Amino acid sequence: LQVALDFLDLSRAMAVAEAAAAGGVDCIEAGTPLIKSEGLDAVRALRAAFPNKIIIADMKTMDAGKIEAEAAAKAGANVMTVCGSAGAGTIRECVEAGRHYGIDVAVDLMGVADVEALVRRCEEVGVAWLDVHCAIDAQMQGADPLDELRKVRALTSLTVAVAGGLNSETAAAAAAAGADVVIVGGAITKAIDPKQATADIRKAIDTRQ
């Protein structure tokens, strides 16, 4: 279970991260808005506060892959994201830097036209994760992240994460559909009690209910 901290303010992000950690989250993501607002200091703060959690830097890198992967790794992230719509060279540079600096690379599949071809390339170059990401605008038009998840799961044995409006009612279905990592944002970050919300989602995933 991964919480996506899509905040602009680090103090708010840290407060929710504390609650989510207490509720049983495995991975803590410095969301793209948080990184744009607070820089990689957000990742440093999360690493310092949660030394035993997997920290994801949702960089959504489109260029300068080597530099951005190095920066995320040195800030303490375990995983950084690169856009699947970036050039093949950018993805490869991220992976090569990741090997050198000890950080895994996740490729965000949002906006990718030929997912099957990209998955093959990701496997070839050594990508660790694939992120099935149903954008907010797509959700508003009725898109279901689980449909894409099932397609991707059938294509690869890589770690597959899924994001897109998931909550306690849909997280178990995502896990059952083959997600190794279930990414939850608003259902935790906007909850009145983020700790309890996390615990409820954790239970739903663990019991598939």
N, C-alpha and C. Protein backbone atom coordinates (compact mmCIF):
# COMPACT_ATOMS: atom_id res chain seq x y z
N LEU A 1 0.84 -1.19 0.00
CA LEU A 1 0.00 0.00 0.00
C LEU A 1 0.88 1.25 0.00
N GLN A 2 0.61 2.13 -0.92
CA GLN A 2 1.39 3.37 -1.07
C GLN A 2 0.48 4.57 -0.95
N VAL A 3 0.91 5.54 -0.16
CA VAL A 3 0.15 6.78 -0.05
C VAL A 3 0.83 7.83 -0.91
N ALA A 4 0.04 8.55 -1.70
CA ALA A 4 0.55 9.60 -2.57
C ALA A 4 0.30 10.95 -1.89
N LEU A 5 1.37 11.60 -1.50
CA LEU A 5 1.27 12.88 -0.80
C LEU A 5 1.32 14.02 -1.81
N ASP A 6 0.18 14.30 -2.40
CA ASP A 6 0.08 15.35 -3.42
C ASP A 6 -0.33 16.67 -2.76
N PHE A 7 0.57 17.16 -1.91
CA PHE A 7 0.37 18.42 -1.22
C PHE A 7 1.33 19.47 -1.78
N LEU A 8 1.08 20.70 -1.44
CA LEU A 8 2.02 21.77 -1.75
C LEU A 8 2.86 22.15 -0.54
N ASP A 9 2.38 21.79 0.63
CA ASP A 9 3.01 22.19 1.89
C ASP A 9 3.61 20.97 2.58
N LEU A 10 4.88 21.04 2.90
CA LEU A 10 5.58 19.90 3.49
C LEU A 10 5.04 19.53 4.87
N SER A 11 4.66 20.51 5.66
CA SER A 11 4.18 20.20 7.00
C SER A 11 2.89 19.38 6.95
N ARG A 12 2.00 19.72 6.03
CA ARG A 12 0.77 18.93 5.88
C ARG A 12 1.10 17.53 5.39
N ALA A 13 2.02 17.45 4.45
CA ALA A 13 2.41 16.14 3.91
C ALA A 13 3.00 15.26 5.01
N MET A 14 3.84 15.83 5.85
CA MET A 14 4.46 15.05 6.91
C MET A 14 3.43 14.57 7.93
N ALA A 15 2.45 15.40 8.23
CA ALA A 15 1.42 15.01 9.18
C ALA A 15 0.62 13.82 8.66
N VAL A 16 0.26 13.86 7.39
CA VAL A 16 -0.48 12.74 6.81
C VAL A 16 0.41 11.51 6.69
N ALA A 17 1.67 11.72 6.37
CA ALA A 17 2.59 10.58 6.28
C ALA A 17 2.70 9.87 7.63
N GLU A 18 2.78 10.64 8.70
CA GLU A 18 2.83 10.04 10.04
C GLU A 18 1.59 9.19 10.31
N ALA A 19 0.44 9.73 9.96
CA ALA A 19 -0.82 9.00 10.19
C ALA A 19 -0.88 7.75 9.33
N ALA A 20 -0.49 7.88 8.07
CA ALA A 20 -0.53 6.74 7.15
C ALA A 20 0.44 5.65 7.59
N ALA A 21 1.61 6.06 8.06
CA ALA A 21 2.58 5.07 8.55
C ALA A 21 2.01 4.33 9.75
N ALA A 22 1.36 5.04 10.62
CA ALA A 22 0.74 4.41 11.79
C ALA A 22 -0.40 3.48 11.38
N GLY A 23 -1.04 3.80 10.26
CA GLY A 23 -2.14 2.98 9.77
C GLY A 23 -1.72 1.76 8.98
N GLY A 24 -0.43 1.65 8.67
CA GLY A 24 0.07 0.44 8.02
C GLY A 24 0.49 0.56 6.58
N VAL A 25 0.76 1.79 6.11
CA VAL A 25 1.20 1.96 4.74
C VAL A 25 2.63 1.42 4.59
N ASP A 26 2.95 0.91 3.41
CA ASP A 26 4.29 0.36 3.14
C ASP A 26 5.20 1.38 2.45
N CYS A 27 4.62 2.14 1.53
CA CYS A 27 5.38 3.06 0.69
C CYS A 27 4.82 4.46 0.85
N ILE A 28 5.71 5.44 0.90
CA ILE A 28 5.31 6.83 1.04
C ILE A 28 5.85 7.60 -0.14
N GLU A 29 4.94 8.23 -0.88
CA GLU A 29 5.30 8.92 -2.11
C GLU A 29 5.31 10.44 -1.92
N ALA A 30 6.44 11.04 -2.24
CA ALA A 30 6.48 12.48 -2.39
C ALA A 30 5.88 12.78 -3.76
N GLY A 31 4.64 13.26 -3.77
CA GLY A 31 3.93 13.47 -5.02
C GLY A 31 4.58 14.57 -5.85
N THR A 32 4.25 14.58 -7.13
CA THR A 32 4.82 15.58 -8.03
C THR A 32 4.55 17.01 -7.56
N PRO A 33 3.32 17.36 -7.13
CA PRO A 33 3.10 18.73 -6.64
C PRO A 33 3.97 19.07 -5.44
N LEU A 34 4.19 18.10 -4.55
CA LEU A 34 5.01 18.33 -3.37
C LEU A 34 6.46 18.59 -3.77
N ILE A 35 6.97 17.80 -4.70
CA ILE A 35 8.35 17.99 -5.15
C ILE A 35 8.50 19.32 -5.88
N LYS A 36 7.50 19.68 -6.69
CA LYS A 36 7.58 20.97 -7.39
C LYS A 36 7.52 22.14 -6.42
N SER A 37 6.79 21.97 -5.34
CA SER A 37 6.63 23.05 -4.37
C SER A 37 7.79 23.13 -3.39
N GLU A 38 8.21 21.97 -2.89
CA GLU A 38 9.20 21.94 -1.81
C GLU A 38 10.56 21.42 -2.26
N GLY A 39 10.64 20.95 -3.50
CA GLY A 39 11.91 20.38 -3.97
C GLY A 39 12.18 19.03 -3.35
N LEU A 40 13.38 18.53 -3.57
CA LEU A 40 13.75 17.22 -3.05
C LEU A 40 13.99 17.23 -1.54
N ASP A 41 13.87 18.41 -0.92
CA ASP A 41 13.87 18.44 0.54
C ASP A 41 12.70 17.64 1.10
N ALA A 42 11.63 17.54 0.33
CA ALA A 42 10.49 16.73 0.76
C ALA A 42 10.89 15.26 0.88
N VAL A 43 11.65 14.78 -0.09
CA VAL A 43 12.13 13.39 -0.06
C VAL A 43 13.09 13.21 1.11
N ARG A 44 13.96 14.17 1.31
CA ARG A 44 14.92 14.08 2.43
C ARG A 44 14.19 14.01 3.77
N ALA A 45 13.16 14.82 3.90
CA ALA A 45 12.39 14.82 5.15
C ALA A 45 11.69 13.50 5.37
N LEU A 46 11.12 12.93 4.33
CA LEU A 46 10.43 11.65 4.45
C LEU A 46 11.42 10.54 4.78
N ARG A 47 12.58 10.57 4.14
CA ARG A 47 13.58 9.54 4.43
C ARG A 47 14.04 9.62 5.88
N ALA A 48 14.25 10.82 6.37
CA ALA A 48 14.69 10.98 7.76
C ALA A 48 13.63 10.52 8.74
N ALA A 49 12.38 10.81 8.44
CA ALA A 49 11.29 10.48 9.36
C ALA A 49 10.87 9.02 9.29
N PHE A 50 11.05 8.40 8.12
CA PHE A 50 10.57 7.03 7.93
C PHE A 50 11.67 6.16 7.32
N PRO A 51 12.70 5.86 8.11
CA PRO A 51 13.86 5.13 7.57
C PRO A 51 13.54 3.72 7.10
N ASN A 52 12.45 3.15 7.57
CA ASN A 52 12.13 1.76 7.22
C ASN A 52 11.04 1.64 6.16
N LYS A 53 10.58 2.78 5.64
CA LYS A 53 9.55 2.76 4.60
C LYS A 53 10.20 2.92 3.22
N ILE A 54 9.51 2.44 2.20
CA ILE A 54 9.93 2.69 0.82
C ILE A 54 9.48 4.09 0.45
N ILE A 55 10.44 4.92 0.05
CA ILE A 55 10.15 6.30 -0.31
C ILE A 55 10.21 6.45 -1.82
N ILE A 56 9.12 6.97 -2.39
CA ILE A 56 9.02 7.16 -3.84
C ILE A 56 9.07 8.64 -4.15
N ALA A 57 9.94 9.01 -5.08
CA ALA A 57 9.98 10.38 -5.59
C ALA A 57 9.25 10.38 -6.93
N ASP A 58 8.04 10.94 -6.93
CA ASP A 58 7.24 10.94 -8.16
C ASP A 58 7.70 12.09 -9.05
N MET A 59 8.85 11.91 -9.66
CA MET A 59 9.49 12.96 -10.46
C MET A 59 8.76 13.21 -11.79
N LYS A 60 8.17 12.15 -12.33
CA LYS A 60 7.58 12.22 -13.68
C LYS A 60 8.58 12.85 -14.67
N THR A 61 9.77 12.33 -14.62
CA THR A 61 10.87 12.83 -15.46
C THR A 61 10.53 12.69 -16.94
N MET A 62 10.83 13.74 -17.69
CA MET A 62 10.64 13.72 -19.15
C MET A 62 11.95 13.92 -19.91
N ASP A 63 12.98 14.39 -19.21
CA ASP A 63 14.27 14.67 -19.84
C ASP A 63 15.32 14.65 -18.74
N ALA A 64 16.59 14.68 -19.14
CA ALA A 64 17.69 14.70 -18.16
C ALA A 64 17.56 13.56 -17.17
N GLY A 65 17.31 12.36 -17.68
CA GLY A 65 17.04 11.21 -16.83
C GLY A 65 18.15 10.90 -15.85
N LYS A 66 19.39 10.96 -16.31
CA LYS A 66 20.50 10.60 -15.44
C LYS A 66 20.60 11.56 -14.25
N ILE A 67 20.48 12.85 -14.52
CA ILE A 67 20.60 13.86 -13.46
C ILE A 67 19.46 13.73 -12.46
N GLU A 68 18.24 13.54 -12.96
CA GLU A 68 17.09 13.49 -12.06
C GLU A 68 17.08 12.21 -11.23
N ALA A 69 17.51 11.10 -11.82
CA ALA A 69 17.59 9.85 -11.06
C ALA A 69 18.65 9.97 -9.98
N GLU A 70 19.79 10.56 -10.33
CA GLU A 70 20.86 10.76 -9.34
C GLU A 70 20.37 11.65 -8.20
N ALA A 71 19.68 12.73 -8.54
CA ALA A 71 19.19 13.65 -7.52
C ALA A 71 18.21 12.97 -6.58
N ALA A 72 17.28 12.18 -7.14
CA ALA A 72 16.29 11.49 -6.31
C ALA A 72 16.97 10.48 -5.40
N ALA A 73 17.94 9.77 -5.94
CA ALA A 73 18.65 8.76 -5.14
C ALA A 73 19.41 9.42 -4.00
N LYS A 74 20.11 10.51 -4.29
CA LYS A 74 20.90 11.18 -3.26
C LYS A 74 20.03 11.83 -2.20
N ALA A 75 18.78 12.12 -2.55
CA ALA A 75 17.84 12.67 -1.56
C ALA A 75 17.28 11.58 -0.65
N GLY A 76 17.47 10.31 -1.04
CA GLY A 76 17.03 9.21 -0.19
C GLY A 76 15.88 8.39 -0.70
N ALA A 77 15.45 8.63 -1.94
CA ALA A 77 14.34 7.85 -2.50
C ALA A 77 14.79 6.44 -2.85
N ASN A 78 13.88 5.50 -2.68
CA ASN A 78 14.12 4.12 -3.13
C ASN A 78 13.69 3.92 -4.57
N VAL A 79 12.71 4.72 -4.99
CA VAL A 79 12.12 4.60 -6.33
C VAL A 79 11.88 6.00 -6.87
N MET A 80 12.16 6.20 -8.16
CA MET A 80 11.80 7.45 -8.82
C MET A 80 11.00 7.12 -10.07
N THR A 81 10.15 8.06 -10.49
CA THR A 81 9.31 7.80 -11.66
C THR A 81 9.77 8.61 -12.86
N VAL A 82 9.64 7.98 -14.01
CA VAL A 82 9.89 8.62 -15.30
C VAL A 82 8.66 8.38 -16.16
N CYS A 83 8.30 9.35 -16.97
CA CYS A 83 7.13 9.21 -17.83
C CYS A 83 7.41 8.23 -18.96
N GLY A 84 6.45 7.33 -19.19
CA GLY A 84 6.59 6.40 -20.30
C GLY A 84 6.59 7.10 -21.64
N SER A 85 6.01 8.30 -21.68
CA SER A 85 5.97 9.06 -22.93
C SER A 85 7.27 9.80 -23.19
N ALA A 86 8.21 9.73 -22.26
CA ALA A 86 9.54 10.30 -22.49
C ALA A 86 10.26 9.46 -23.54
N GLY A 87 11.34 9.98 -24.06
CA GLY A 87 12.11 9.22 -25.05
C GLY A 87 12.73 7.98 -24.44
N ALA A 88 12.99 7.01 -25.29
CA ALA A 88 13.60 5.76 -24.82
C ALA A 88 14.95 6.04 -24.15
N GLY A 89 15.67 7.05 -24.67
CA GLY A 89 16.96 7.39 -24.10
C GLY A 89 16.84 7.90 -22.68
N THR A 90 15.79 8.66 -22.40
CA THR A 90 15.58 9.19 -21.06
C THR A 90 15.31 8.07 -20.07
N ILE A 91 14.47 7.12 -20.46
CA ILE A 91 14.18 5.97 -19.59
C ILE A 91 15.46 5.18 -19.34
N ARG A 92 16.21 4.95 -20.39
CA ARG A 92 17.46 4.19 -20.25
C ARG A 92 18.45 4.92 -19.33
N GLU A 93 18.54 6.23 -19.48
CA GLU A 93 19.45 7.02 -18.63
C GLU A 93 19.04 6.92 -17.17
N CYS A 94 17.75 6.94 -16.91
CA CYS A 94 17.27 6.79 -15.53
C CYS A 94 17.69 5.45 -14.96
N VAL A 95 17.50 4.40 -15.73
CA VAL A 95 17.84 3.05 -15.27
C VAL A 95 19.34 2.92 -15.01
N GLU A 96 20.14 3.44 -15.93
CA GLU A 96 21.60 3.35 -15.77
C GLU A 96 22.06 4.12 -14.54
N ALA A 97 21.51 5.31 -14.35
CA ALA A 97 21.85 6.07 -13.14
C ALA A 97 21.35 5.36 -11.89
N GLY A 98 20.18 4.74 -12.02
CA GLY A 98 19.62 4.01 -10.89
C GLY A 98 20.51 2.88 -10.44
N ARG A 99 21.09 2.18 -11.40
CA ARG A 99 22.01 1.09 -11.05
C ARG A 99 23.22 1.64 -10.30
N HIS A 100 23.69 2.78 -10.73
CA HIS A 100 24.90 3.36 -10.13
C HIS A 100 24.63 3.91 -8.74
N TYR A 101 23.47 4.54 -8.57
CA TYR A 101 23.18 5.22 -7.31
C TYR A 101 22.23 4.45 -6.40
N GLY A 102 21.76 3.29 -6.85
CA GLY A 102 20.95 2.44 -5.99
C GLY A 102 19.51 2.87 -5.83
N ILE A 103 18.87 3.20 -6.95
CA ILE A 103 17.46 3.56 -6.91
C ILE A 103 16.73 2.84 -8.03
N ASP A 104 15.54 2.31 -7.74
CA ASP A 104 14.73 1.65 -8.76
C ASP A 104 13.98 2.69 -9.57
N VAL A 105 13.67 2.31 -10.80
CA VAL A 105 12.95 3.21 -11.70
C VAL A 105 11.57 2.65 -12.00
N ALA A 106 10.56 3.51 -11.82
CA ALA A 106 9.19 3.18 -12.18
C ALA A 106 8.79 4.01 -13.39
N VAL A 107 8.18 3.37 -14.36
CA VAL A 107 7.72 4.06 -15.56
C VAL A 107 6.22 4.27 -15.47
N ASP A 108 5.80 5.54 -15.53
CA ASP A 108 4.39 5.91 -15.48
C ASP A 108 3.79 5.76 -16.87
N LEU A 109 2.78 4.92 -16.99
CA LEU A 109 2.21 4.60 -18.30
C LEU A 109 1.14 5.58 -18.77
N MET A 110 0.88 6.61 -17.99
CA MET A 110 -0.15 7.58 -18.37
C MET A 110 0.18 8.23 -19.70
N GLY A 111 -0.79 8.20 -20.62
CA GLY A 111 -0.62 8.85 -21.91
C GLY A 111 0.16 8.06 -22.93
N VAL A 112 0.52 6.82 -22.61
CA VAL A 112 1.28 5.99 -23.55
C VAL A 112 0.31 5.31 -24.52
N ALA A 113 0.56 5.45 -25.82
CA ALA A 113 -0.34 4.89 -26.83
C ALA A 113 -0.14 3.39 -26.99
N ASP A 114 1.10 2.94 -27.14
CA ASP A 114 1.39 1.52 -27.35
C ASP A 114 2.01 0.95 -26.07
N VAL A 115 1.15 0.57 -25.15
CA VAL A 115 1.62 0.09 -23.86
C VAL A 115 2.41 -1.20 -23.98
N GLU A 116 1.95 -2.11 -24.82
CA GLU A 116 2.63 -3.39 -24.95
C GLU A 116 4.07 -3.21 -25.41
N ALA A 117 4.28 -2.37 -26.39
CA ALA A 117 5.64 -2.13 -26.89
C ALA A 117 6.51 -1.50 -25.81
N LEU A 118 5.94 -0.56 -25.05
CA LEU A 118 6.71 0.09 -24.01
C LEU A 118 7.07 -0.89 -22.90
N VAL A 119 6.14 -1.75 -22.54
CA VAL A 119 6.42 -2.74 -21.50
C VAL A 119 7.60 -3.61 -21.91
N ARG A 120 7.64 -4.02 -23.17
CA ARG A 120 8.76 -4.84 -23.66
C ARG A 120 10.08 -4.08 -23.53
N ARG A 121 10.07 -2.80 -23.91
CA ARG A 121 11.30 -2.01 -23.82
C ARG A 121 11.73 -1.83 -22.37
N CYS A 122 10.76 -1.65 -21.49
CA CYS A 122 11.08 -1.48 -20.07
C CYS A 122 11.74 -2.74 -19.51
N GLU A 123 11.23 -3.87 -19.89
CA GLU A 123 11.83 -5.13 -19.43
C GLU A 123 13.25 -5.26 -19.95
N GLU A 124 13.47 -4.86 -21.19
CA GLU A 124 14.79 -5.00 -21.81
C GLU A 124 15.84 -4.13 -21.15
N VAL A 125 15.47 -2.91 -20.76
CA VAL A 125 16.47 -1.99 -20.21
C VAL A 125 16.64 -2.10 -18.70
N GLY A 126 15.73 -2.79 -18.02
CA GLY A 126 15.89 -3.02 -16.60
C GLY A 126 15.04 -2.15 -15.69
N VAL A 127 13.92 -1.65 -16.20
CA VAL A 127 12.96 -0.93 -15.35
C VAL A 127 12.44 -1.88 -14.28
N ALA A 128 12.21 -1.36 -13.08
CA ALA A 128 11.77 -2.21 -11.96
C ALA A 128 10.26 -2.22 -11.79
N TRP A 129 9.62 -1.04 -11.96
CA TRP A 129 8.18 -0.90 -11.72
C TRP A 129 7.51 -0.33 -12.96
N LEU A 130 6.24 -0.67 -13.09
CA LEU A 130 5.36 -0.02 -14.06
C LEU A 130 4.18 0.56 -13.30
N ASP A 131 3.89 1.82 -13.55
CA ASP A 131 2.77 2.48 -12.87
C ASP A 131 1.59 2.64 -13.82
N VAL A 132 0.52 1.91 -13.55
CA VAL A 132 -0.74 2.10 -14.28
C VAL A 132 -1.43 3.28 -13.62
N HIS A 133 -1.57 4.36 -14.36
CA HIS A 133 -1.99 5.63 -13.75
C HIS A 133 -3.19 6.19 -14.52
N CYS A 134 -4.34 6.11 -13.90
CA CYS A 134 -5.55 6.67 -14.50
C CYS A 134 -5.68 8.12 -14.04
N ALA A 135 -5.45 9.04 -14.97
CA ALA A 135 -5.42 10.46 -14.63
C ALA A 135 -6.79 10.93 -14.13
N ILE A 136 -6.76 12.01 -13.35
CA ILE A 136 -8.00 12.55 -12.78
C ILE A 136 -8.99 12.90 -13.87
N ASP A 137 -8.52 13.53 -14.95
CA ASP A 137 -9.43 13.92 -16.03
C ASP A 137 -10.06 12.69 -16.68
N ALA A 138 -9.28 11.61 -16.80
CA ALA A 138 -9.81 10.37 -17.38
C ALA A 138 -10.84 9.74 -16.45
N GLN A 139 -10.57 9.79 -15.14
CA GLN A 139 -11.53 9.27 -14.17
C GLN A 139 -12.87 9.99 -14.29
N MET A 140 -12.80 11.29 -14.50
CA MET A 140 -14.03 12.10 -14.62
C MET A 140 -14.85 11.68 -15.83
N GLN A 141 -14.18 11.07 -16.80
CA GLN A 141 -14.88 10.62 -18.01
C GLN A 141 -15.24 9.13 -17.94
N GLY A 142 -15.06 8.53 -16.77
CA GLY A 142 -15.48 7.16 -16.56
C GLY A 142 -14.43 6.09 -16.76
N ALA A 143 -13.18 6.48 -16.95
CA ALA A 143 -12.12 5.49 -17.15
C ALA A 143 -11.90 4.69 -15.86
N ASP A 144 -11.57 3.42 -16.02
CA ASP A 144 -11.37 2.53 -14.88
C ASP A 144 -9.92 2.05 -14.88
N PRO A 145 -9.13 2.39 -13.86
CA PRO A 145 -7.73 1.97 -13.85
C PRO A 145 -7.55 0.45 -13.83
N LEU A 146 -8.55 -0.26 -13.35
CA LEU A 146 -8.41 -1.72 -13.26
C LEU A 146 -8.43 -2.38 -14.63
N ASP A 147 -9.11 -1.77 -15.59
CA ASP A 147 -9.11 -2.33 -16.95
C ASP A 147 -7.69 -2.34 -17.51
N GLU A 148 -7.00 -1.21 -17.38
CA GLU A 148 -5.63 -1.11 -17.86
C GLU A 148 -4.70 -1.98 -17.03
N LEU A 149 -4.95 -2.06 -15.73
CA LEU A 149 -4.13 -2.89 -14.85
C LEU A 149 -4.12 -4.34 -15.32
N ARG A 150 -5.29 -4.87 -15.62
CA ARG A 150 -5.37 -6.27 -16.04
C ARG A 150 -4.58 -6.51 -17.32
N LYS A 151 -4.64 -5.56 -18.24
CA LYS A 151 -3.90 -5.69 -19.50
C LYS A 151 -2.39 -5.70 -19.24
N VAL A 152 -1.95 -4.79 -18.40
CA VAL A 152 -0.51 -4.70 -18.11
C VAL A 152 -0.04 -5.92 -17.33
N ARG A 153 -0.84 -6.35 -16.37
CA ARG A 153 -0.47 -7.52 -15.57
C ARG A 153 -0.26 -8.75 -16.45
N ALA A 154 -1.06 -8.87 -17.50
CA ALA A 154 -0.94 -10.02 -18.39
C ALA A 154 0.32 -9.97 -19.25
N LEU A 155 0.94 -8.78 -19.33
CA LEU A 155 2.09 -8.60 -20.21
C LEU A 155 3.43 -8.80 -19.53
N THR A 156 3.47 -8.73 -18.19
CA THR A 156 4.78 -8.62 -17.54
C THR A 156 4.80 -9.23 -16.15
N SER A 157 6.00 -9.56 -15.70
CA SER A 157 6.21 -10.01 -14.32
C SER A 157 6.88 -8.92 -13.48
N LEU A 158 7.09 -7.74 -14.08
CA LEU A 158 7.64 -6.63 -13.32
C LEU A 158 6.66 -6.21 -12.22
N THR A 159 7.16 -5.48 -11.24
CA THR A 159 6.28 -4.91 -10.23
C THR A 159 5.31 -3.95 -10.90
N VAL A 160 4.02 -4.13 -10.65
CA VAL A 160 3.00 -3.27 -11.24
C VAL A 160 2.26 -2.53 -10.13
N ALA A 161 2.27 -1.21 -10.23
CA ALA A 161 1.53 -0.36 -9.30
C ALA A 161 0.35 0.24 -10.03
N VAL A 162 -0.70 0.58 -9.28
CA VAL A 162 -1.88 1.17 -9.91
C VAL A 162 -2.37 2.34 -9.08
N ALA A 163 -2.75 3.42 -9.78
CA ALA A 163 -3.27 4.62 -9.13
C ALA A 163 -4.43 5.16 -9.94
N GLY A 164 -5.35 5.80 -9.24
CA GLY A 164 -6.46 6.43 -9.95
C GLY A 164 -7.76 6.38 -9.18
N GLY A 165 -7.86 7.19 -8.13
CA GLY A 165 -9.10 7.28 -7.38
C GLY A 165 -9.42 6.06 -6.54
N LEU A 166 -8.42 5.29 -6.15
CA LEU A 166 -8.67 4.07 -5.39
C LEU A 166 -8.98 4.39 -3.93
N ASN A 167 -9.82 3.54 -3.31
CA ASN A 167 -10.23 3.73 -1.92
C ASN A 167 -10.45 2.38 -1.27
N SER A 168 -11.03 2.37 -0.09
CA SER A 168 -11.20 1.10 0.63
C SER A 168 -12.11 0.13 -0.11
N GLU A 169 -12.96 0.64 -0.97
CA GLU A 169 -13.88 -0.22 -1.71
C GLU A 169 -13.25 -0.80 -2.97
N THR A 170 -12.26 -0.12 -3.53
CA THR A 170 -11.67 -0.57 -4.79
C THR A 170 -10.24 -1.09 -4.65
N ALA A 171 -9.60 -0.82 -3.52
CA ALA A 171 -8.21 -1.25 -3.34
C ALA A 171 -8.08 -2.76 -3.38
N ALA A 172 -9.02 -3.47 -2.75
CA ALA A 172 -8.96 -4.93 -2.76
C ALA A 172 -9.13 -5.47 -4.17
N ALA A 173 -10.00 -4.85 -4.95
CA ALA A 173 -10.19 -5.27 -6.34
C ALA A 173 -8.92 -5.05 -7.15
N ALA A 174 -8.21 -3.96 -6.85
CA ALA A 174 -6.95 -3.70 -7.54
C ALA A 174 -5.92 -4.77 -7.22
N ALA A 175 -5.83 -5.13 -5.95
CA ALA A 175 -4.90 -6.19 -5.55
C ALA A 175 -5.28 -7.52 -6.21
N ALA A 176 -6.58 -7.81 -6.24
CA ALA A 176 -7.05 -9.05 -6.85
C ALA A 176 -6.80 -9.07 -8.35
N ALA A 177 -6.78 -7.89 -8.96
CA ALA A 177 -6.54 -7.79 -10.40
C ALA A 177 -5.06 -7.86 -10.76
N GLY A 178 -4.22 -7.95 -9.75
CA GLY A 178 -2.80 -8.18 -10.03
C GLY A 178 -1.86 -7.07 -9.63
N ALA A 179 -2.35 -6.04 -8.95
CA ALA A 179 -1.46 -4.95 -8.54
C ALA A 179 -0.55 -5.41 -7.40
N ASP A 180 0.74 -5.20 -7.57
CA ASP A 180 1.69 -5.45 -6.49
C ASP A 180 1.68 -4.29 -5.50
N VAL A 181 1.42 -3.09 -6.02
CA VAL A 181 1.39 -1.88 -5.20
C VAL A 181 0.10 -1.13 -5.51
N VAL A 182 -0.68 -0.86 -4.50
CA VAL A 182 -1.91 -0.09 -4.64
C VAL A 182 -1.63 1.33 -4.13
N ILE A 183 -1.75 2.31 -5.02
CA ILE A 183 -1.45 3.70 -4.68
C ILE A 183 -2.74 4.44 -4.37
N VAL A 184 -2.80 5.02 -3.20
CA VAL A 184 -4.00 5.73 -2.77
C VAL A 184 -3.62 7.17 -2.43
N GLY A 185 -4.40 8.10 -2.94
CA GLY A 185 -4.18 9.51 -2.65
C GLY A 185 -5.26 10.07 -1.78
N GLY A 186 -6.28 10.66 -2.41
CA GLY A 186 -7.31 11.39 -1.69
C GLY A 186 -8.06 10.62 -0.64
N ALA A 187 -8.25 9.32 -0.83
CA ALA A 187 -8.98 8.54 0.16
C ALA A 187 -8.26 8.50 1.51
N ILE A 188 -6.96 8.78 1.49
CA ILE A 188 -6.20 8.91 2.73
C ILE A 188 -5.94 10.37 3.05
N THR A 189 -5.41 11.11 2.07
CA THR A 189 -4.94 12.47 2.34
C THR A 189 -6.08 13.45 2.64
N LYS A 190 -7.28 13.15 2.15
CA LYS A 190 -8.42 14.04 2.39
C LYS A 190 -9.36 13.50 3.47
N ALA A 191 -8.98 12.37 4.07
CA ALA A 191 -9.83 11.76 5.10
C ALA A 191 -9.77 12.58 6.39
N ILE A 192 -10.86 12.56 7.13
CA ILE A 192 -10.88 13.22 8.44
C ILE A 192 -9.87 12.56 9.37
N ASP A 193 -9.78 11.23 9.27
CA ASP A 193 -8.83 10.46 10.09
C ASP A 193 -7.95 9.64 9.14
N PRO A 194 -6.83 10.19 8.68
CA PRO A 194 -5.98 9.48 7.71
C PRO A 194 -5.45 8.15 8.24
N LYS A 195 -5.18 8.08 9.53
CA LYS A 195 -4.69 6.81 10.10
C LYS A 195 -5.75 5.72 9.96
N GLN A 196 -6.98 6.02 10.32
CA GLN A 196 -8.05 5.03 10.22
C GLN A 196 -8.34 4.68 8.77
N ALA A 197 -8.31 5.68 7.90
CA ALA A 197 -8.55 5.44 6.48
C ALA A 197 -7.49 4.49 5.92
N THR A 198 -6.25 4.72 6.32
CA THR A 198 -5.17 3.83 5.87
C THR A 198 -5.38 2.42 6.41
N ALA A 199 -5.73 2.31 7.68
CA ALA A 199 -5.95 1.00 8.28
C ALA A 199 -7.09 0.25 7.59
N ASP A 200 -8.14 0.96 7.23
CA ASP A 200 -9.27 0.34 6.54
C ASP A 200 -8.86 -0.19 5.17
N ILE A 201 -8.07 0.61 4.46
CA ILE A 201 -7.61 0.18 3.13
C ILE A 201 -6.63 -0.98 3.26
N ARG A 202 -5.75 -0.89 4.26
CA ARG A 202 -4.80 -1.97 4.53
C ARG A 202 -5.55 -3.29 4.78
N LYS A 203 -6.57 -3.23 5.61
CA LYS A 203 -7.36 -4.43 5.91
C LYS A 203 -8.06 -4.95 4.68
N ALA A 204 -8.61 -4.05 3.88
CA ALA A 204 -9.31 -4.47 2.66
C ALA A 204 -8.38 -5.20 1.70
N ILE A 205 -7.16 -4.69 1.57
CA ILE A 205 -6.19 -5.34 0.69
C ILE A 205 -5.77 -6.70 1.25
N ASP A 206 -5.47 -6.73 2.53
CA ASP A 206 -4.96 -7.95 3.16
C ASP A 206 -6.00 -9.06 3.19
N THR A 207 -7.27 -8.69 3.32
CA THR A 207 -8.33 -9.71 3.41
C THR A 207 -9.09 -9.86 2.09
N ARG A 208 -8.76 -8.96 1.11
CA ARG A 208 -9.45 -8.94 -0.19
C ARG A 208 -10.95 -8.76 -0.02
N GLN A 209 -11.30 -7.87 0.91
CA GLN A 209 -12.73 -7.58 1.17
C GLN A 209 -12.98 -6.11 0.98
